[in-house]
Amino acid sequence: MKSISALEVSKNRDAYFILDIRERYEYEFVNIQATNIPMAEVCSRLQELPKDKPVVLMCKSGNRASALANLLIVDYNFSNVLIMEGGITSWCEYVDQTLILE
């Protein structure tokens, strides 16, 4: 599985489809205006994922994103999936320090 840093994504957001797979309450607490589809719903909503640009999966730390990326690649033949290293935690630390996680 391939990963990408939050800083790299932030440099060219339009090149990626950023998918925040955290639960809605987590997303509502703090987010980066990415598309939010909770992890448990992604497989039933695959038609919402683009085929023409990389899909960057993000969660809080990267663990859930890694698990989902593996599923999408192995079971659904997605080849355009990246994991945001460190998830929203990294975004808050390296990209936008005005966002508060806790």
Protein backbone atom coordinates (compact mmCIF):
# COMPACT_ATOMS: atom_id res chain seq x y z
CA MET A 1 0.00 0.00 0.00
CA LYS A 2 1.16 3.48 -0.78
CA SER A 3 1.05 6.35 1.64
CA ILE A 4 1.32 10.12 1.35
CA SER A 5 2.01 12.80 3.92
CA ALA A 6 -0.58 15.35 4.96
CA LEU A 7 1.80 18.10 3.89
CA GLU A 8 2.14 16.61 0.40
CA VAL A 9 -1.66 16.35 0.03
CA SER A 10 -2.07 19.94 1.19
CA LYS A 11 0.26 21.24 -1.53
CA ASN A 12 -2.11 20.09 -4.29
CA ARG A 13 -5.49 19.17 -2.79
CA ASP A 14 -7.23 19.31 -6.17
CA ALA A 15 -5.14 16.40 -7.43
CA TYR A 16 -6.68 14.07 -4.84
CA PHE A 17 -10.07 12.86 -3.67
CA ILE A 18 -9.67 13.03 0.10
CA LEU A 19 -11.93 10.59 1.89
CA ASP A 20 -12.28 11.00 5.65
CA ILE A 21 -13.42 7.61 6.94
CA ARG A 22 -13.89 8.62 10.57
CA GLU A 23 -17.30 8.43 12.19
CA ARG A 24 -19.58 11.43 11.68
CA TYR A 25 -19.15 12.66 15.26
CA GLU A 26 -15.36 12.63 14.80
CA TYR A 27 -15.69 14.48 11.50
CA GLU A 28 -18.05 17.07 12.99
CA PHE A 29 -15.62 17.72 15.83
CA VAL A 30 -12.71 18.59 13.51
CA ASN A 31 -12.31 18.17 9.75
CA ILE A 32 -10.54 19.51 6.68
CA GLN A 33 -13.64 19.75 4.46
CA ALA A 34 -12.96 16.37 2.85
CA THR A 35 -15.69 13.96 1.82
CA ASN A 36 -16.86 12.00 4.86
CA ILE A 37 -17.99 8.41 4.46
CA PRO A 38 -17.58 6.40 7.67
CA MET A 39 -15.44 3.29 7.24
CA ALA A 40 -18.36 0.90 7.72
CA GLU A 41 -20.25 2.53 4.82
CA VAL A 42 -17.48 2.78 2.23
CA CYS A 43 -17.96 -0.63 0.62
CA SER A 44 -21.66 0.02 0.05
CA ARG A 45 -20.87 3.44 -1.45
CA LEU A 46 -17.99 2.58 -3.79
CA GLN A 47 -19.74 4.33 -6.68
CA GLU A 48 -18.98 7.64 -4.93
CA LEU A 49 -15.22 7.10 -5.25
CA PRO A 50 -13.63 8.49 -8.41
CA LYS A 51 -11.62 6.33 -10.76
CA ASP A 52 -9.84 9.28 -12.41
CA LYS A 53 -7.79 10.57 -9.46
CA PRO A 54 -6.04 9.12 -6.42
CA VAL A 55 -8.25 8.46 -3.41
CA VAL A 56 -6.51 9.50 -0.19
CA LEU A 57 -7.96 7.71 2.82
CA MET A 58 -7.68 9.47 6.14
CA CYS A 59 -8.75 8.66 9.68
CA LYS A 60 -7.38 9.90 13.00
CA SER A 61 -3.96 8.24 12.89
CA GLY A 62 -3.80 6.08 9.75
CA ASN A 63 -4.68 2.67 11.21
CA ARG A 64 -8.27 2.49 9.95
CA ALA A 65 -7.19 3.95 6.61
CA SER A 66 -4.58 1.20 6.22
CA ALA A 67 -7.14 -1.52 6.90
CA LEU A 68 -9.65 -0.04 4.45
CA ALA A 69 -7.00 0.53 1.78
CA ASN A 70 -6.05 -3.13 1.98
CA LEU A 71 -9.69 -4.16 1.57
CA LEU A 72 -10.24 -1.83 -1.39
CA ILE A 73 -7.09 -3.02 -3.14
CA VAL A 74 -7.50 -6.77 -2.50
CA ASP A 75 -11.26 -7.26 -2.64
CA TYR A 76 -12.38 -4.44 -4.95
CA ASN A 77 -9.36 -4.05 -7.26
CA PHE A 78 -8.78 -0.38 -6.55
CA SER A 79 -5.34 0.72 -7.68
CA ASN A 80 -5.61 4.43 -6.95
CA VAL A 81 -5.72 4.32 -3.13
CA LEU A 82 -3.29 6.15 -0.85
CA ILE A 83 -3.15 6.35 2.94
CA MET A 84 -2.63 9.72 4.58
CA GLU A 85 0.22 9.11 7.02
CA GLY A 86 -0.87 10.07 10.52
CA GLY A 87 -4.39 11.06 9.42
CA ILE A 88 -6.05 14.17 10.81
CA THR A 89 -3.50 14.17 13.62
CA SER A 90 -0.70 14.87 11.13
CA TRP A 91 -2.81 17.43 9.27
CA CYS A 92 -3.33 19.35 12.53
CA GLU A 93 0.37 19.16 13.36
CA TYR A 94 1.97 19.88 9.98
CA VAL A 95 -0.61 21.67 7.85
CA ASP A 96 -3.11 23.62 9.96
CA GLN A 97 -2.23 24.17 13.60
CA THR A 98 -5.45 26.14 14.14
CA LEU A 99 -7.38 22.86 14.08
CA ILE A 100 -7.71 21.30 17.53
CA LEU A 101 -8.24 17.56 17.99
CA GLU A 102 -8.92 17.42 21.71
